[in-house]
Amino acid sequence: AMHQALLILAEEGLRNSWDRHIKNHLMLHDGLQNLGIEYFVEEEYRLPQLNAVKVPKDVDEVNVRNVLLNEYSLEIGAGLGPLAGQVWRIGLMGYASRKENVDKCLVALDNVLE
C-alpha cells in the first residue's frame, strides 16, 4: 500500500499534490464557514490533511457521525481525550483529497445538521 501511495505521489508530483491538498482544504473551510462551523485551531496551525472543527452548539455529535456513516458512507473522526464530544476531525488525505469528496461532505453535513 505504501509503495502504491509513493507511485501515485511520484506521478502527480509533490508540488501538485501539496497544491491540491491546500485547494481542497480551503474549499472545505469556506463551505464549513457557510454552515456556521468553525475551525478549532488558528489558521497558522492548521493541517490541510486533517481539519479539526468545533461541533456546533446543541448538536448531538455522535448521532451526526452515525447518520453520516450509515446514510452517506462518510466517516468523520470524533474528538479524542479532553476534546471528546467537542470537535470533529475531517480528513482530506492523499487520494481522498478531491473536490467531489469536499462537496459530498458539505452537502451531507448541511442535510444532517438541518
N, C-alpha and C. Protein backbone atom coordinates (compact mmCIF):
# COMPACT_ATOMS: atom_id res chain seq x y z
N ALA A 1 0.84 -1.21 0.00
CA ALA A 1 0.00 0.00 0.00
C ALA A 1 0.88 1.25 0.00
N MET A 2 1.92 1.22 0.84
CA MET A 2 2.82 2.38 0.90
C MET A 2 3.50 2.59 -0.45
N HIS A 3 3.92 1.48 -1.08
CA HIS A 3 4.57 1.53 -2.38
C HIS A 3 3.64 2.18 -3.40
N GLN A 4 2.37 1.76 -3.37
CA GLN A 4 1.35 2.29 -4.28
C GLN A 4 1.18 3.80 -4.07
N ALA A 5 1.13 4.21 -2.80
CA ALA A 5 0.95 5.64 -2.47
C ALA A 5 2.12 6.46 -3.00
N LEU A 6 3.32 5.92 -2.89
CA LEU A 6 4.51 6.65 -3.36
C LEU A 6 4.51 6.75 -4.89
N LEU A 7 4.05 5.70 -5.56
CA LEU A 7 3.96 5.73 -7.02
C LEU A 7 2.97 6.81 -7.47
N ILE A 8 1.83 6.86 -6.79
CA ILE A 8 0.81 7.86 -7.12
C ILE A 8 1.36 9.27 -6.89
N LEU A 9 2.05 9.45 -5.77
CA LEU A 9 2.64 10.75 -5.44
C LEU A 9 3.70 11.14 -6.47
N ALA A 10 4.54 10.19 -6.85
CA ALA A 10 5.60 10.47 -7.84
C ALA A 10 4.98 10.89 -9.17
N GLU A 11 3.87 10.23 -9.53
CA GLU A 11 3.20 10.54 -10.79
C GLU A 11 2.60 11.95 -10.77
N GLU A 12 1.97 12.29 -9.67
CA GLU A 12 1.32 13.61 -9.56
C GLU A 12 2.35 14.72 -9.37
N GLY A 13 3.39 14.41 -8.62
CA GLY A 13 4.40 15.42 -8.28
C GLY A 13 4.09 16.02 -6.92
N LEU A 14 5.12 16.20 -6.11
CA LEU A 14 4.96 16.68 -4.74
C LEU A 14 4.29 18.04 -4.67
N ARG A 15 4.75 18.97 -5.51
CA ARG A 15 4.18 20.33 -5.53
C ARG A 15 2.69 20.29 -5.88
N ASN A 16 2.34 19.51 -6.91
CA ASN A 16 0.94 19.41 -7.34
C ASN A 16 0.08 18.80 -6.25
N SER A 17 0.63 17.79 -5.58
CA SER A 17 -0.11 17.14 -4.50
C SER A 17 -0.36 18.13 -3.37
N TRP A 18 0.68 18.87 -3.01
CA TRP A 18 0.56 19.85 -1.94
C TRP A 18 -0.49 20.91 -2.30
N ASP A 19 -0.41 21.41 -3.54
CA ASP A 19 -1.37 22.43 -4.00
C ASP A 19 -2.80 21.90 -3.96
N ARG A 20 -2.99 20.64 -4.37
CA ARG A 20 -4.32 20.04 -4.36
C ARG A 20 -4.86 19.95 -2.93
N HIS A 21 -4.02 19.54 -1.99
CA HIS A 21 -4.45 19.45 -0.59
C HIS A 21 -4.85 20.82 -0.05
N ILE A 22 -4.05 21.84 -0.37
CA ILE A 22 -4.35 23.21 0.09
C ILE A 22 -5.68 23.69 -0.51
N LYS A 23 -5.84 23.49 -1.82
CA LYS A 23 -7.04 23.96 -2.52
C LYS A 23 -8.30 23.31 -1.94
N ASN A 24 -8.24 22.00 -1.70
CA ASN A 24 -9.41 21.30 -1.16
C ASN A 24 -9.68 21.68 0.29
N HIS A 25 -8.61 21.91 1.04
CA HIS A 25 -8.75 22.39 2.43
C HIS A 25 -9.47 23.74 2.45
N LEU A 26 -9.07 24.65 1.57
CA LEU A 26 -9.70 25.98 1.54
C LEU A 26 -11.16 25.90 1.09
N MET A 27 -11.44 24.99 0.15
CA MET A 27 -12.82 24.79 -0.29
C MET A 27 -13.67 24.26 0.86
N LEU A 28 -13.12 23.30 1.60
CA LEU A 28 -13.83 22.76 2.76
C LEU A 28 -14.03 23.85 3.81
N HIS A 29 -12.98 24.61 4.08
CA HIS A 29 -13.03 25.70 5.06
C HIS A 29 -14.17 26.67 4.73
N ASP A 30 -14.23 27.12 3.47
CA ASP A 30 -15.26 28.08 3.08
C ASP A 30 -16.66 27.49 3.21
N GLY A 31 -16.80 26.23 2.80
CA GLY A 31 -18.10 25.56 2.91
C GLY A 31 -18.55 25.38 4.34
N LEU A 32 -17.61 25.00 5.21
CA LEU A 32 -17.93 24.82 6.63
C LEU A 32 -18.33 26.16 7.25
N GLN A 33 -17.61 27.21 6.86
CA GLN A 33 -17.93 28.55 7.38
C GLN A 33 -19.37 28.94 7.00
N ASN A 34 -19.77 28.61 5.78
CA ASN A 34 -21.14 28.88 5.33
C ASN A 34 -22.17 28.12 6.16
N LEU A 35 -21.76 26.98 6.71
CA LEU A 35 -22.66 26.19 7.56
C LEU A 35 -22.58 26.62 9.02
N GLY A 36 -21.75 27.61 9.30
CA GLY A 36 -21.59 28.08 10.67
C GLY A 36 -20.68 27.21 11.51
N ILE A 37 -19.84 26.42 10.87
CA ILE A 37 -18.91 25.54 11.59
C ILE A 37 -17.53 26.17 11.61
N GLU A 38 -16.98 26.30 12.81
CA GLU A 38 -15.69 26.97 12.98
C GLU A 38 -14.57 25.97 13.18
N TYR A 39 -13.38 26.37 12.75
CA TYR A 39 -12.19 25.55 13.00
C TYR A 39 -11.78 25.64 14.46
N PHE A 40 -11.15 24.57 14.93
CA PHE A 40 -10.77 24.50 16.33
C PHE A 40 -9.49 25.29 16.61
N VAL A 41 -8.57 25.31 15.65
CA VAL A 41 -7.29 25.99 15.86
C VAL A 41 -7.13 27.16 14.89
N GLU A 42 -6.26 28.08 15.25
CA GLU A 42 -5.99 29.24 14.40
C GLU A 42 -5.38 28.79 13.08
N GLU A 43 -5.57 29.62 12.06
CA GLU A 43 -5.18 29.28 10.69
C GLU A 43 -3.73 28.81 10.56
N GLU A 44 -2.81 29.49 11.24
CA GLU A 44 -1.39 29.14 11.06
C GLU A 44 -1.02 27.76 11.61
N TYR A 45 -1.91 27.17 12.41
CA TYR A 45 -1.62 25.85 12.99
C TYR A 45 -2.38 24.72 12.31
N ARG A 46 -3.14 25.04 11.26
CA ARG A 46 -3.98 24.03 10.61
C ARG A 46 -3.19 23.17 9.64
N LEU A 47 -3.61 21.91 9.54
CA LEU A 47 -3.07 21.00 8.53
C LEU A 47 -4.14 20.80 7.46
N PRO A 48 -3.80 20.98 6.20
CA PRO A 48 -4.81 20.78 5.14
C PRO A 48 -5.36 19.36 5.12
N GLN A 49 -4.56 18.40 5.60
CA GLN A 49 -4.97 17.00 5.54
C GLN A 49 -5.95 16.62 6.65
N LEU A 50 -5.92 17.35 7.76
CA LEU A 50 -6.77 16.99 8.89
C LEU A 50 -7.41 18.25 9.46
N ASN A 51 -8.71 18.35 9.26
CA ASN A 51 -9.45 19.55 9.62
C ASN A 51 -10.21 19.33 10.92
N ALA A 52 -9.73 19.96 11.99
CA ALA A 52 -10.40 19.84 13.30
C ALA A 52 -11.34 21.03 13.46
N VAL A 53 -12.63 20.72 13.59
CA VAL A 53 -13.64 21.77 13.69
C VAL A 53 -14.48 21.59 14.95
N LYS A 54 -15.03 22.71 15.43
CA LYS A 54 -15.87 22.67 16.63
C LYS A 54 -17.24 22.11 16.29
N VAL A 55 -17.72 21.20 17.11
CA VAL A 55 -19.09 20.72 16.96
C VAL A 55 -20.02 21.88 17.29
N PRO A 56 -20.98 22.19 16.40
CA PRO A 56 -21.92 23.29 16.70
C PRO A 56 -22.69 23.04 17.99
N LYS A 57 -23.06 24.12 18.66
CA LYS A 57 -23.82 24.02 19.91
C LYS A 57 -25.15 23.29 19.67
N ASP A 58 -25.61 22.59 20.69
CA ASP A 58 -26.90 21.89 20.65
C ASP A 58 -27.00 20.84 19.55
N VAL A 59 -25.86 20.26 19.17
CA VAL A 59 -25.87 19.20 18.17
C VAL A 59 -25.46 17.89 18.85
N ASP A 60 -26.20 16.83 18.57
CA ASP A 60 -25.84 15.51 19.08
C ASP A 60 -24.76 14.96 18.14
N GLU A 61 -23.50 15.18 18.53
CA GLU A 61 -22.40 14.92 17.61
C GLU A 61 -22.25 13.44 17.28
N VAL A 62 -22.57 12.55 18.22
CA VAL A 62 -22.49 11.11 17.95
C VAL A 62 -23.53 10.73 16.90
N ASN A 63 -24.73 11.25 17.05
CA ASN A 63 -25.79 10.98 16.10
C ASN A 63 -25.42 11.48 14.70
N VAL A 64 -24.87 12.69 14.62
CA VAL A 64 -24.47 13.24 13.32
C VAL A 64 -23.45 12.32 12.65
N ARG A 65 -22.43 11.87 13.41
CA ARG A 65 -21.42 10.99 12.84
C ARG A 65 -22.03 9.66 12.39
N ASN A 66 -22.98 9.14 13.17
CA ASN A 66 -23.63 7.87 12.79
C ASN A 66 -24.45 8.01 11.51
N VAL A 67 -25.20 9.10 11.39
CA VAL A 67 -26.01 9.33 10.19
C VAL A 67 -25.09 9.52 8.98
N LEU A 68 -24.01 10.28 9.15
CA LEU A 68 -23.07 10.48 8.04
C LEU A 68 -22.50 9.14 7.57
N LEU A 69 -22.17 8.28 8.53
CA LEU A 69 -21.59 6.98 8.21
C LEU A 69 -22.62 6.06 7.56
N ASN A 70 -23.81 5.96 8.17
CA ASN A 70 -24.80 4.99 7.71
C ASN A 70 -25.57 5.42 6.47
N GLU A 71 -25.82 6.72 6.32
CA GLU A 71 -26.63 7.17 5.18
C GLU A 71 -25.80 7.76 4.05
N TYR A 72 -24.57 8.20 4.35
CA TYR A 72 -23.74 8.83 3.32
C TYR A 72 -22.40 8.11 3.11
N SER A 73 -22.16 7.03 3.85
CA SER A 73 -20.87 6.32 3.80
C SER A 73 -19.70 7.28 3.97
N LEU A 74 -19.88 8.20 4.90
CA LEU A 74 -18.89 9.25 5.14
C LEU A 74 -18.46 9.17 6.60
N GLU A 75 -17.18 8.93 6.81
CA GLU A 75 -16.70 8.80 8.19
C GLU A 75 -15.89 10.03 8.58
N ILE A 76 -16.35 10.71 9.64
CA ILE A 76 -15.53 11.79 10.19
C ILE A 76 -15.15 11.40 11.61
N GLY A 77 -13.98 11.83 12.03
CA GLY A 77 -13.43 11.42 13.32
C GLY A 77 -14.02 12.20 14.47
N ALA A 78 -14.08 11.53 15.62
CA ALA A 78 -14.53 12.17 16.85
C ALA A 78 -13.34 12.85 17.51
N GLY A 79 -13.64 13.73 18.45
CA GLY A 79 -12.58 14.31 19.28
C GLY A 79 -12.01 13.25 20.19
N LEU A 80 -10.74 13.37 20.51
CA LEU A 80 -10.06 12.40 21.37
C LEU A 80 -9.72 13.04 22.71
N GLY A 81 -9.66 12.22 23.75
CA GLY A 81 -9.25 12.72 25.07
C GLY A 81 -10.14 13.84 25.55
N PRO A 82 -9.52 14.95 26.00
CA PRO A 82 -10.31 16.08 26.54
C PRO A 82 -11.21 16.73 25.49
N LEU A 83 -10.94 16.47 24.20
CA LEU A 83 -11.75 17.08 23.14
C LEU A 83 -12.91 16.20 22.70
N ALA A 84 -13.09 15.05 23.36
CA ALA A 84 -14.20 14.17 23.02
C ALA A 84 -15.51 14.93 23.13
N GLY A 85 -16.34 14.81 22.09
CA GLY A 85 -17.64 15.48 22.08
C GLY A 85 -17.60 16.94 21.69
N GLN A 86 -16.39 17.50 21.56
CA GLN A 86 -16.26 18.93 21.25
C GLN A 86 -15.81 19.24 19.83
N VAL A 87 -15.09 18.28 19.23
CA VAL A 87 -14.59 18.52 17.88
C VAL A 87 -14.88 17.33 16.97
N TRP A 88 -14.87 17.62 15.66
CA TRP A 88 -14.85 16.59 14.63
C TRP A 88 -13.54 16.73 13.89
N ARG A 89 -13.02 15.61 13.40
CA ARG A 89 -11.80 15.62 12.60
C ARG A 89 -12.15 15.14 11.20
N ILE A 90 -12.01 16.03 10.24
CA ILE A 90 -12.37 15.72 8.85
C ILE A 90 -11.09 15.57 8.04
N GLY A 91 -10.84 14.35 7.60
CA GLY A 91 -9.60 14.06 6.88
C GLY A 91 -9.74 14.26 5.38
N LEU A 92 -8.74 14.93 4.80
CA LEU A 92 -8.65 15.07 3.34
C LEU A 92 -7.22 14.72 2.95
N MET A 93 -6.92 13.42 2.96
CA MET A 93 -5.54 12.99 2.75
C MET A 93 -5.40 12.18 1.49
N GLY A 94 -4.29 12.38 0.81
CA GLY A 94 -3.95 11.57 -0.35
C GLY A 94 -5.05 11.58 -1.39
N TYR A 95 -5.42 10.38 -1.84
CA TYR A 95 -6.42 10.25 -2.89
C TYR A 95 -7.78 10.79 -2.44
N ALA A 96 -8.04 10.77 -1.15
CA ALA A 96 -9.33 11.24 -0.62
C ALA A 96 -9.48 12.76 -0.75
N SER A 97 -8.37 13.47 -0.94
CA SER A 97 -8.43 14.92 -1.06
C SER A 97 -8.82 15.30 -2.49
N ARG A 98 -10.15 15.24 -2.75
CA ARG A 98 -10.68 15.55 -4.08
C ARG A 98 -11.90 16.44 -3.94
N LYS A 99 -12.13 17.29 -4.93
CA LYS A 99 -13.25 18.23 -4.90
C LYS A 99 -14.57 17.53 -4.63
N GLU A 100 -14.79 16.37 -5.30
CA GLU A 100 -16.08 15.68 -5.12
C GLU A 100 -16.27 15.20 -3.69
N ASN A 101 -15.19 14.87 -3.00
CA ASN A 101 -15.30 14.47 -1.59
C ASN A 101 -15.63 15.67 -0.70
N VAL A 102 -15.03 16.81 -1.01
CA VAL A 102 -15.34 18.03 -0.26
C VAL A 102 -16.81 18.37 -0.44
N ASP A 103 -17.27 18.35 -1.70
CA ASP A 103 -18.68 18.64 -2.00
C ASP A 103 -19.61 17.68 -1.26
N LYS A 104 -19.28 16.39 -1.32
CA LYS A 104 -20.10 15.36 -0.68
C LYS A 104 -20.19 15.60 0.84
N CYS A 105 -19.07 15.92 1.43
CA CYS A 105 -19.01 16.17 2.87
C CYS A 105 -19.87 17.37 3.25
N LEU A 106 -19.76 18.44 2.49
CA LEU A 106 -20.50 19.67 2.80
C LEU A 106 -22.02 19.47 2.62
N VAL A 107 -22.41 18.81 1.56
CA VAL A 107 -23.83 18.56 1.31
C VAL A 107 -24.41 17.66 2.41
N ALA A 108 -23.66 16.60 2.76
CA ALA A 108 -24.12 15.67 3.79
C ALA A 108 -24.26 16.38 5.13
N LEU A 109 -23.25 17.16 5.51
CA LEU A 109 -23.31 17.88 6.79
C LEU A 109 -24.48 18.84 6.81
N ASP A 110 -24.68 19.56 5.70
CA ASP A 110 -25.78 20.51 5.59
C ASP A 110 -27.11 19.80 5.81
N ASN A 111 -27.29 18.66 5.15
CA ASN A 111 -28.54 17.89 5.27
C ASN A 111 -28.75 17.38 6.70
N VAL A 112 -27.70 16.83 7.28
CA VAL A 112 -27.82 16.20 8.61
C VAL A 112 -28.03 17.25 9.70
N LEU A 113 -27.41 18.40 9.55
CA LEU A 113 -27.50 19.43 10.59
C LEU A 113 -28.81 20.20 10.53
N GLU A 114 -29.53 20.13 9.42
CA GLU A 114 -30.77 20.92 9.28
C GLU A 114 -31.82 20.50 10.28
